[in-house]
Protein backbone atom coordinates (compact mmCIF):
# COMPACT_ATOMS: atom_id res chain seq x y z
CA MET A 1 12.71 11.13 42.16
CA ARG A 2 10.24 11.26 39.84
CA ASN A 3 7.34 11.32 41.88
CA VAL A 4 8.81 13.97 44.06
CA LEU A 5 8.94 16.32 41.40
CA VAL A 6 5.42 15.42 40.59
CA LEU A 7 4.07 16.48 43.74
CA VAL A 8 6.34 19.25 43.51
CA LEU A 9 5.22 20.40 40.28
CA ILE A 10 1.89 19.81 41.93
CA ALA A 11 1.96 21.80 45.07
CA ALA A 12 3.17 25.00 43.29
CA CYS A 13 0.63 24.92 40.67
CA SER A 14 -2.40 24.62 43.42
CA GLY A 15 -1.39 27.02 45.90
CA GLY A 16 -3.25 30.00 45.30
CA HIS A 17 -2.28 31.22 41.84
CA LYS A 18 -5.07 31.34 39.03
CA MET A 19 -3.96 29.54 35.82
CA PRO A 20 -4.42 31.65 32.33
CA ASP A 21 -7.58 30.89 30.92
CA ALA A 22 -6.55 29.95 27.69
CA SER A 23 -10.40 29.82 26.10
CA VAL A 24 -10.45 33.38 25.40
CA ASP A 25 -7.20 32.79 22.58
CA MET A 26 -8.99 30.55 21.64
CA PHE A 27 -10.97 31.04 17.74
CA TYR A 28 -12.48 28.54 15.37
CA THR A 29 -11.66 28.78 11.97
CA GLU A 30 -12.58 26.69 8.39
CA CYS A 31 -9.86 28.97 6.66
CA GLY A 32 -7.30 30.71 7.68
CA ALA A 33 -4.87 29.54 10.42
CA PRO A 34 -2.00 32.18 12.49
CA GLY A 35 1.18 31.99 10.33
CA ASP A 36 -0.70 32.35 6.89
CA VAL A 37 1.13 34.66 5.41
CA GLY A 38 -1.00 35.10 1.61
CA ASN A 39 -0.19 35.13 -1.62
CA GLU A 40 1.44 37.95 -3.54
CA LEU A 41 -1.34 40.42 -3.36
CA GLY A 42 -2.03 39.57 0.47
CA ILE A 43 -5.27 37.59 0.13
CA GLY A 44 -4.90 34.55 2.25
CA LYS A 45 -2.76 36.00 5.05
CA PHE A 46 -3.90 35.12 8.76
CA CYS A 47 -6.51 38.28 10.33
CA LEU A 48 -8.62 38.15 13.28
CA ASP A 49 -10.11 41.66 12.55
CA LEU A 50 -10.17 44.46 9.37
CA ALA A 51 -6.94 46.25 10.80
CA ASP A 52 -4.91 42.94 9.95
CA CYS A 53 -5.00 43.62 6.71
CA GLY A 54 -3.74 47.15 6.72
CA SER A 55 -0.27 46.11 5.82
CA THR A 56 -1.31 43.69 2.49
CA PRO A 57 -0.83 45.35 -0.59
CA ASP A 58 -4.47 44.89 -2.18
CA ALA A 59 -6.24 42.80 0.36
CA HIS A 60 -7.73 45.27 3.00
CA LEU A 61 -10.65 43.35 4.23
CA CYS A 62 -10.95 40.70 6.62
CA SER A 63 -12.98 37.88 5.57
CA SER A 64 -14.17 37.31 9.09
CA LEU A 65 -16.47 40.81 8.74
CA GLY A 66 -18.63 38.47 6.26
CA ASP A 67 -18.19 35.27 7.97
CA LEU A 68 -17.21 34.92 11.61
CA ASN A 69 -15.60 30.92 11.16
CA THR A 70 -13.36 32.47 8.38
CA HIS A 71 -10.25 35.05 9.04
CA PHE A 72 -7.91 35.68 6.06
CA CYS A 73 -7.46 38.74 4.04
CA THR A 74 -9.33 39.45 0.87
CA LYS A 75 -11.13 42.17 -1.53
CA MET A 76 -13.93 42.34 -3.14
CA CYS A 77 -13.75 40.18 -7.06
CA THR A 78 -16.09 40.22 -10.29
CA MET A 79 -17.07 36.70 -10.72
CA GLY A 80 -16.00 34.87 -13.66
CA SER A 81 -12.35 37.02 -13.38
CA THR A 82 -9.39 35.10 -13.33
CA ASP A 83 -6.67 37.34 -12.97
CA GLN A 84 -8.14 39.92 -10.12
CA CYS A 85 -7.13 37.30 -6.92
CA GLY A 86 -3.44 36.55 -8.07
CA THR A 87 -2.15 33.06 -7.07
CA ALA A 88 -3.57 30.45 -5.83
CA THR A 89 -7.08 31.78 -5.16
CA GLN A 90 -10.70 32.30 -6.84
CA CYS A 91 -13.70 34.36 -6.94
CA VAL A 92 -16.30 33.42 -5.08
CA CYS A 93 -19.63 34.86 -4.58
CA ASP A 94 -22.04 33.98 -2.45
CA SER A 95 -26.81 33.57 -2.61
CA SER A 96 -26.78 37.53 -2.65
CA ASN A 97 -23.83 37.79 -5.11
CA ARG A 98 -21.45 39.64 -2.81
CA CYS A 99 -17.93 38.18 -4.45
CA GLY A 100 -14.50 37.98 -2.90
CA CYS A 101 -11.11 36.57 -3.53
CA THR A 102 -10.92 33.57 -1.75
CA PRO A 103 -7.83 31.06 -1.33
CA THR A 104 -8.18 27.50 -3.33
CA VAL A 105 -7.42 25.93 -0.04
CA CYS A 106 -10.00 27.17 1.13
CA LEU A 107 -12.39 25.73 -1.40
CA GLN A 108 -11.50 22.21 -1.30
């Protein structure tokens, strides 16, 4: 019975119907995953683009604007500040002194 079911499924799937291309839904991420909600400011909320951060309290930028391998809502900050980014985040700067709030889990 089990072999018959497998054959029926194979026959049904091979008959002229194209399987959906899942590759268009895939992306690489070093930080930020679907379902991440972010902290009280919205920093760390998952985003694919700027529009995904529009509803956060204070984090209206998507990190993918500066790094295509990250996907979290963020905001600009001043290095050394300990209170701009909220819970479980840090202000991190790149080599050009551009600083943004980054979830601590991304730095581990």
